[in-house]
Amino acid sequence: MNYNNLLLFADNQDEGQMVDNEMEEKEQEKKDEYKKSTVCVQETSELYEELQIRVTGEQKNDRHEMRERLSIPVAET
């Protein structure tokens, strides 16, 4: 290999590394977005359950237990 070919090879290696780095960054961004959305869903679920407790004065499990004691069929919620 002559000097020009070596420089071209080095440039190609650098470009390849840059592309790899960009792909890794995009993949990390996707993972971060997924984590954020998962946390938001969990927080929303917790807030909804807290609201249900405030509105009905009982927790979901308590309702199921009460219905079981009264032999009322429990609908899936």
PDB file of N, CA and C in Angstrom:
ATOM      1  N   MET A   1       0.845  -1.191   0.000  1.00  0.00           N
ATOM      2  CA  MET A   1       0.000   0.000   0.000  1.00  0.00           C
ATOM      3  C   MET A   1       0.877   1.236   0.000  1.00  0.00           C
ATOM      4  N   ASN A   2       0.506   2.158  -0.826  1.00  0.00           N
ATOM      5  CA  ASN A   2       1.268   3.395  -0.807  1.00  0.00           C
ATOM      6  C   ASN A   2       0.650   4.366   0.192  1.00  0.00           C
ATOM      7  N   TYR A   3       1.276   5.502   0.364  1.00  0.00           N
ATOM      8  CA  TYR A   3       0.876   6.486   1.366  1.00  0.00           C
ATOM      9  C   TYR A   3      -0.559   6.971   1.151  1.00  0.00           C
ATOM     10  N   ASN A   4      -0.942   7.267  -0.094  1.00  0.00           N
ATOM     11  CA  ASN A   4      -2.305   7.751  -0.379  1.00  0.00           C
ATOM     12  C   ASN A   4      -3.357   6.704  -0.024  1.00  0.00           C
ATOM     13  N   ASN A   5      -3.049   5.453  -0.336  1.00  0.00           N
ATOM     14  CA  ASN A   5      -3.982   4.382   0.018  1.00  0.00           C
ATOM     15  C   ASN A   5      -4.124   4.262   1.537  1.00  0.00           C
ATOM     16  N   LEU A   6      -3.010   4.424   2.261  1.00  0.00           N
ATOM     17  CA  LEU A   6      -3.068   4.373   3.718  1.00  0.00           C
ATOM     18  C   LEU A   6      -3.944   5.497   4.280  1.00  0.00           C
ATOM     19  N   LEU A   7      -3.805   6.699   3.706  1.00  0.00           N
ATOM     20  CA  LEU A   7      -4.623   7.828   4.171  1.00  0.00           C
ATOM     21  C   LEU A   7      -6.096   7.570   3.879  1.00  0.00           C
ATOM     22  N   LEU A   8      -6.400   7.038   2.700  1.00  0.00           N
ATOM     23  CA  LEU A   8      -7.777   6.726   2.339  1.00  0.00           C
ATOM     24  C   LEU A   8      -8.346   5.657   3.269  1.00  0.00           C
ATOM     25  N   PHE A   9      -7.544   4.646   3.568  1.00  0.00           N
ATOM     26  CA  PHE A   9      -7.964   3.590   4.493  1.00  0.00           C
ATOM     27  C   PHE A   9      -8.254   4.166   5.881  1.00  0.00           C
ATOM     28  N   ALA A  10      -7.383   5.049   6.346  1.00  0.00           N
ATOM     29  CA  ALA A  10      -7.571   5.671   7.666  1.00  0.00           C
ATOM     30  C   ALA A  10      -8.834   6.519   7.682  1.00  0.00           C
ATOM     31  N   ASP A  11      -9.099   7.265   6.616  1.00  0.00           N
ATOM     32  CA  ASP A  11     -10.320   8.073   6.528  1.00  0.00           C
ATOM     33  C   ASP A  11     -11.562   7.186   6.578  1.00  0.00           C
ATOM     34  N   ASN A  12     -11.517   6.084   5.849  1.00  0.00           N
ATOM     35  CA  ASN A  12     -12.653   5.156   5.846  1.00  0.00           C
ATOM     36  C   ASN A  12     -12.883   4.565   7.231  1.00  0.00           C
ATOM     37  N   GLN A  13     -11.804   4.254   7.944  1.00  0.00           N
ATOM     38  CA  GLN A  13     -11.918   3.718   9.291  1.00  0.00           C
ATOM     39  C   GLN A  13     -12.568   4.753  10.227  1.00  0.00           C
ATOM     40  N   ASP A  14     -12.136   6.009  10.103  1.00  0.00           N
ATOM     41  CA  ASP A  14     -12.699   7.079  10.926  1.00  0.00           C
ATOM     42  C   ASP A  14     -14.185   7.269  10.640  1.00  0.00           C
ATOM     43  N   GLU A  15     -14.558   7.254   9.360  1.00  0.00           N
ATOM     44  CA  GLU A  15     -15.964   7.404   8.990  1.00  0.00           C
ATOM     45  C   GLU A  15     -16.790   6.235   9.526  1.00  0.00           C
ATOM     46  N   GLY A  16     -16.229   5.049   9.438  1.00  0.00           N
ATOM     47  CA  GLY A  16     -16.927   3.875   9.963  1.00  0.00           C
ATOM     48  C   GLY A  16     -17.139   3.983  11.457  1.00  0.00           C
ATOM     49  N   GLN A  17     -16.138   4.470  12.171  1.00  0.00           N
ATOM     50  CA  GLN A  17     -16.249   4.648  13.619  1.00  0.00           C
ATOM     51  C   GLN A  17     -17.286   5.710  13.946  1.00  0.00           C
ATOM     52  N   MET A  18     -17.340   6.778  13.155  1.00  0.00           N
ATOM     53  CA  MET A  18     -18.323   7.832  13.379  1.00  0.00           C
ATOM     54  C   MET A  18     -19.734   7.293  13.187  1.00  0.00           C
ATOM     55  N   VAL A  19     -19.934   6.486  12.163  1.00  0.00           N
ATOM     56  CA  VAL A  19     -21.249   5.890  11.908  1.00  0.00           C
ATOM     57  C   VAL A  19     -21.624   4.963  13.069  1.00  0.00           C
ATOM     58  N   ASP A  20     -20.668   4.159  13.533  1.00  0.00           N
ATOM     59  CA  ASP A  20     -20.927   3.282  14.672  1.00  0.00           C
ATOM     60  C   ASP A  20     -21.323   4.086  15.904  1.00  0.00           C
ATOM     61  N   ASN A  21     -20.615   5.175  16.148  1.00  0.00           N
ATOM     62  CA  ASN A  21     -20.922   6.016  17.300  1.00  0.00           C
ATOM     63  C   ASN A  21     -22.319   6.626  17.190  1.00  0.00           C
ATOM     64  N   GLU A  22     -22.676   7.081  15.986  1.00  0.00           N
ATOM     65  CA  GLU A  22     -24.005   7.658  15.776  1.00  0.00           C
ATOM     66  C   GLU A  22     -25.091   6.612  16.008  1.00  0.00           C
ATOM     67  N   MET A  23     -24.857   5.393  15.528  1.00  0.00           N
ATOM     68  CA  MET A  23     -25.841   4.326  15.710  1.00  0.00           C
ATOM     69  C   MET A  23     -25.995   3.980  17.196  1.00  0.00           C
ATOM     70  N   GLU A  24     -24.874   3.956  17.918  1.00  0.00           N
ATOM     71  CA  GLU A  24     -24.928   3.677  19.349  1.00  0.00           C
ATOM     72  C   GLU A  24     -25.687   4.779  20.091  1.00  0.00           C
ATOM     73  N   GLU A  25     -25.460   6.034  19.696  1.00  0.00           N
ATOM     74  CA  GLU A  25     -26.164   7.151  20.319  1.00  0.00           C
ATOM     75  C   GLU A  25     -27.669   7.055  20.071  1.00  0.00           C
ATOM     76  N   LYS A  26     -28.058   6.732  18.837  1.00  0.00           N
ATOM     77  CA  LYS A  26     -29.479   6.595  18.506  1.00  0.00           C
ATOM     78  C   LYS A  26     -30.106   5.447  19.293  1.00  0.00           C
ATOM     79  N   GLU A  27     -29.389   4.348  19.409  1.00  0.00           N
ATOM     80  CA  GLU A  27     -29.894   3.205  20.169  1.00  0.00           C
ATOM     81  C   GLU A  27     -30.068   3.576  21.641  1.00  0.00           C
ATOM     82  N   GLN A  28     -29.106   4.322  22.185  1.00  0.00           N
ATOM     83  CA  GLN A  28     -29.208   4.761  23.578  1.00  0.00           C
ATOM     84  C   GLN A  28     -30.389   5.716  23.759  1.00  0.00           C
ATOM     85  N   GLU A  29     -30.610   6.602  22.787  1.00  0.00           N
ATOM     86  CA  GLU A  29     -31.753   7.520  22.848  1.00  0.00           C
ATOM     87  C   GLU A  29     -33.069   6.741  22.854  1.00  0.00           C
ATOM     88  N   LYS A  30     -33.151   5.692  22.025  1.00  0.00           N
ATOM     89  CA  LYS A  30     -34.356   4.862  21.996  1.00  0.00           C
ATOM     90  C   LYS A  30     -34.587   4.211  23.357  1.00  0.00           C
ATOM     91  N   LYS A  31     -33.502   3.691  23.949  1.00  0.00           N
ATOM     92  CA  LYS A  31     -33.621   3.051  25.262  1.00  0.00           C
ATOM     93  C   LYS A  31     -34.065   4.066  26.314  1.00  0.00           C
ATOM     94  N   ASP A  32     -33.512   5.277  26.262  1.00  0.00           N
ATOM     95  CA  ASP A  32     -33.888   6.322  27.212  1.00  0.00           C
ATOM     96  C   ASP A  32     -35.353   6.709  27.052  1.00  0.00           C
ATOM     97  N   GLU A  33     -35.814   6.838  25.813  1.00  0.00           N
ATOM     98  CA  GLU A  33     -37.220   7.168  25.555  1.00  0.00           C
ATOM     99  C   GLU A  33     -38.133   6.065  26.076  1.00  0.00           C
ATOM    100  N   TYR A  34     -37.731   4.824  25.876  1.00  0.00           N
ATOM    101  CA  TYR A  34     -38.531   3.703  26.366  1.00  0.00           C
ATOM    102  C   TYR A  34     -38.628   3.746  27.885  1.00  0.00           C
ATOM    103  N   LYS A  35     -37.491   4.018  28.544  1.00  0.00           N
ATOM    104  CA  LYS A  35     -37.498   4.120  30.016  1.00  0.00           C
ATOM    105  C   LYS A  35     -38.437   5.226  30.468  1.00  0.00           C
ATOM    106  N   LYS A  36     -38.360   6.378  29.796  1.00  0.00           N
ATOM    107  CA  LYS A  36     -39.225   7.500  30.156  1.00  0.00           C
ATOM    108  C   LYS A  36     -40.692   7.131  29.993  1.00  0.00           C
ATOM    109  N   SER A  37     -41.028   6.487  28.894  1.00  0.00           N
ATOM    110  CA  SER A  37     -42.428   6.127  28.654  1.00  0.00           C
ATOM    111  C   SER A  37     -42.890   5.089  29.670  1.00  0.00           C
ATOM    112  N   THR A  38     -42.019   4.159  30.026  1.00  0.00           N
ATOM    113  CA  THR A  38     -42.374   3.143  31.018  1.00  0.00           C
ATOM    114  C   THR A  38     -42.634   3.792  32.369  1.00  0.00           C
ATOM    115  N   VAL A  39     -41.784   4.745  32.744  1.00  0.00           N
ATOM    116  CA  VAL A  39     -41.964   5.450  34.012  1.00  0.00           C
ATOM    117  C   VAL A  39     -43.266   6.240  33.986  1.00  0.00           C
ATOM    118  N   CYS A  40     -43.567   6.878  32.864  1.00  0.00           N
ATOM    119  CA  CYS A  40     -44.806   7.656  32.744  1.00  0.00           C
ATOM    120  C   CYS A  40     -46.030   6.756  32.885  1.00  0.00           C
ATOM    121  N   VAL A  41     -45.999   5.590  32.268  1.00  0.00           N
ATOM    122  CA  VAL A  41     -47.124   4.659  32.367  1.00  0.00           C
ATOM    123  C   VAL A  41     -47.289   4.197  33.817  1.00  0.00           C
ATOM    124  N   GLN A  42     -46.181   3.892  34.471  1.00  0.00           N
ATOM    125  CA  GLN A  42     -46.242   3.446  35.861  1.00  0.00           C
ATOM    126  C   GLN A  42     -46.801   4.554  36.752  1.00  0.00           C
ATOM    127  N   GLU A  43     -46.304   5.788  36.566  1.00  0.00           N
ATOM    128  CA  GLU A  43     -46.786   6.910  37.360  1.00  0.00           C
ATOM    129  C   GLU A  43     -48.270   7.161  37.111  1.00  0.00           C
ATOM    130  N   THR A  44     -48.684   7.068  35.859  1.00  0.00           N
ATOM    131  CA  THR A  44     -50.094   7.262  35.525  1.00  0.00           C
ATOM    132  C   THR A  44     -50.950   6.201  36.185  1.00  0.00           C
ATOM    133  N   SER A  45     -50.489   4.972  36.154  1.00  0.00           N
ATOM    134  CA  SER A  45     -51.218   3.876  36.786  1.00  0.00           C
ATOM    135  C   SER A  45     -51.349   4.110  38.286  1.00  0.00           C
ATOM    136  N   GLU A  46     -50.265   4.527  38.919  1.00  0.00           N
ATOM    137  CA  GLU A  46     -50.297   4.802  40.356  1.00  0.00           C
ATOM    138  C   GLU A  46     -51.235   5.962  40.673  1.00  0.00           C
ATOM    139  N   LEU A  47     -51.193   7.014  39.856  1.00  0.00           N
ATOM    140  CA  LEU A  47     -52.080   8.149  40.082  1.00  0.00           C
ATOM    141  C   LEU A  47     -53.543   7.752  39.895  1.00  0.00           C
ATOM    142  N   TYR A  48     -53.812   6.928  38.894  1.00  0.00           N
ATOM    143  CA  TYR A  48     -55.177   6.466  38.659  1.00  0.00           C
ATOM    144  C   TYR A  48     -55.679   5.651  39.850  1.00  0.00           C
ATOM    145  N   GLU A  49     -54.823   4.768  40.342  1.00  0.00           N
ATOM    146  CA  GLU A  49     -55.235   3.950  41.488  1.00  0.00           C
ATOM    147  C   GLU A  49     -55.467   4.827  42.715  1.00  0.00           C
ATOM    148  N   GLU A  50     -54.599   5.819  42.925  1.00  0.00           N
ATOM    149  CA  GLU A  50     -54.786   6.738  44.051  1.00  0.00           C
ATOM    150  C   GLU A  50     -56.099   7.503  43.908  1.00  0.00           C
ATOM    151  N   LEU A  51     -56.408   7.924  42.701  1.00  0.00           N
ATOM    152  CA  LEU A  51     -57.666   8.620  42.445  1.00  0.00           C
ATOM    153  C   LEU A  51     -58.855   7.703  42.724  1.00  0.00           C
ATOM    154  N   GLN A  52     -58.748   6.451  42.280  1.00  0.00           N
ATOM    155  CA  GLN A  52     -59.812   5.487  42.546  1.00  0.00           C
ATOM    156  C   GLN A  52     -60.028   5.316  44.045  1.00  0.00           C
ATOM    157  N   ILE A  53     -58.929   5.248  44.796  1.00  0.00           N
ATOM    158  CA  ILE A  53     -59.029   5.107  46.253  1.00  0.00           C
ATOM    159  C   ILE A  53     -59.738   6.314  46.843  1.00  0.00           C
ATOM    160  N   ARG A  54     -59.373   7.497  46.382  1.00  0.00           N
ATOM    161  CA  ARG A  54     -59.994   8.715  46.909  1.00  0.00           C
ATOM    162  C   ARG A  54     -61.477   8.776  46.555  1.00  0.00           C
ATOM    163  N   VAL A  55     -61.808   8.392  45.329  1.00  0.00           N
ATOM    164  CA  VAL A  55     -63.198   8.486  44.874  1.00  0.00           C
ATOM    165  C   VAL A  55     -64.065   7.432  45.558  1.00  0.00           C
ATOM    166  N   THR A  56     -63.586   6.204  45.590  1.00  0.00           N
ATOM    167  CA  THR A  56     -64.414   5.115  46.120  1.00  0.00           C
ATOM    168  C   THR A  56     -64.171   4.858  47.601  1.00  0.00           C
ATOM    169  N   GLY A  57     -63.040   5.314  48.111  1.00  0.00           N
ATOM    170  CA  GLY A  57     -62.719   5.091  49.515  1.00  0.00           C
ATOM    171  C   GLY A  57     -62.207   3.688  49.790  1.00  0.00           C
ATOM    172  N   GLU A  58     -61.909   2.957  48.760  1.00  0.00           N
ATOM    173  CA  GLU A  58     -61.404   1.600  48.955  1.00  0.00           C
ATOM    174  C   GLU A  58     -60.399   1.265  47.859  1.00  0.00           C
ATOM    175  N   GLN A  59     -59.562   0.310  48.159  1.00  0.00           N
ATOM    176  CA  GLN A  59     -58.585  -0.124  47.176  1.00  0.00           C
ATOM    177  C   GLN A  59     -59.174  -1.226  46.319  1.00  0.00           C
ATOM    178  N   LYS A  60     -58.570  -1.416  45.151  1.00  0.00           N
ATOM    179  CA  LYS A  60     -59.051  -2.426  44.207  1.00  0.00           C
ATOM    180  C   LYS A  60     -59.130  -3.792  44.884  1.00  0.00           C
ATOM    181  N   ASN A  61     -58.120  -4.185  45.623  1.00  0.00           N
ATOM    182  CA  ASN A  61     -58.107  -5.492  46.281  1.00  0.00           C
ATOM    183  C   ASN A  61     -59.242  -5.607  47.287  1.00  0.00           C
ATOM    184  N   ASP A  62     -59.525  -4.537  48.001  1.00  0.00           N
ATOM    185  CA  ASP A  62     -60.612  -4.555  48.974  1.00  0.00           C
ATOM    186  C   ASP A  62     -61.939  -4.824  48.283  1.00  0.00           C
ATOM    187  N   ARG A  63     -62.173  -4.233  47.128  1.00  0.00           N
ATOM    188  CA  ARG A  63     -63.411  -4.447  46.387  1.00  0.00           C
ATOM    189  C   ARG A  63     -63.547  -5.922  46.001  1.00  0.00           C
ATOM    190  N   HIS A  64     -62.434  -6.505  45.520  1.00  0.00           N
ATOM    191  CA  HIS A  64     -62.462  -7.905  45.126  1.00  0.00           C
ATOM    192  C   HIS A  64     -62.751  -8.796  46.335  1.00  0.00           C
ATOM    193  N   GLU A  65     -62.106  -8.511  47.446  1.00  0.00           N
ATOM    194  CA  GLU A  65     -62.329  -9.313  48.645  1.00  0.00           C
ATOM    195  C   GLU A  65     -63.769  -9.187  49.128  1.00  0.00           C
ATOM    196  N   MET A  66     -64.312  -7.988  49.094  1.00  0.00           N
ATOM    197  CA  MET A  66     -65.681  -7.780  49.538  1.00  0.00           C
ATOM    198  C   MET A  66     -66.650  -8.537  48.629  1.00  0.00           C
ATOM    199  N   ARG A  67     -66.435  -8.472  47.333  1.00  0.00           N
ATOM    200  CA  ARG A  67     -67.307  -9.190  46.394  1.00  0.00           C
ATOM    201  C   ARG A  67     -67.218 -10.688  46.601  1.00  0.00           C
ATOM    202  N   GLU A  68     -66.005 -11.179  46.879  1.00  0.00           N
ATOM    203  CA  GLU A  68     -65.848 -12.612  47.129  1.00  0.00           C
ATOM    204  C   GLU A  68     -66.613 -13.020  48.379  1.00  0.00           C
ATOM    205  N   ARG A  69     -66.537 -12.198  49.404  1.00  0.00           N
ATOM    206  CA  ARG A  69     -67.253 -12.508  50.640  1.00  0.00           C
ATOM    207  C   ARG A  69     -68.762 -12.498  50.430  1.00  0.00           C
ATOM    208  N   LEU A  70     -69.218 -11.617  49.556  1.00  0.00           N
ATOM    209  CA  LEU A  70     -70.652 -11.513  49.295  1.00  0.00           C
ATOM    210  C   LEU A  70     -71.100 -12.422  48.151  1.00  0.00           C
ATOM    211  N   SER A  71     -70.163 -13.171  47.595  1.00  0.00           N
ATOM    212  CA  SER A  71     -70.428 -14.081  46.475  1.00  0.00           C
ATOM    213  C   SER A  71     -70.942 -13.351  45.243  1.00  0.00           C
ATOM    214  N   ILE A  72     -70.453 -12.157  45.033  1.00  0.00           N
ATOM    215  CA  ILE A  72     -70.792 -11.401  43.836  1.00  0.00           C
ATOM    216  C   ILE A  72     -69.698 -11.684  42.803  1.00  0.00           C
ATOM    217  N   PRO A  73     -70.079 -12.034  41.580  1.00  0.00           N
ATOM    218  CA  PRO A  73     -69.054 -12.283  40.556  1.00  0.00           C
ATOM    219  C   PRO A  73     -68.165 -11.042  40.375  1.00  0.00           C
ATOM    220  N   VAL A  74     -66.876 -11.292  40.283  1.00  0.00           N
ATOM    221  CA  VAL A  74     -65.904 -10.203  40.140  1.00  0.00           C
ATOM    222  C   VAL A  74     -65.609 -10.001  38.666  1.00  0.00           C
ATOM    223  N   ALA A  75     -65.902  -8.822  38.174  1.00  0.00           N
ATOM    224  CA  ALA A  75     -65.580  -8.486  36.784  1.00  0.00           C
ATOM    225  C   ALA A  75     -64.119  -8.090  36.710  1.00  0.00           C
ATOM    226  N   GLU A  76     -63.455  -8.485  35.647  1.00  0.00           N
ATOM    227  CA  GLU A  76     -62.056  -8.110  35.465  1.00  0.00           C
ATOM    228  C   GLU A  76     -61.977  -6.626  35.174  1.00  0.00           C
ATOM    229  N   THR A  77     -61.136  -5.933  35.911  1.00  0.00           N
ATOM    230  CA  THR A  77     -60.969  -4.486  35.707  1.00  0.00           C
ATOM    231  C   THR A  77     -59.572  -4.181  35.307  1.00  0.00           C
TER     232      THR A  77
END
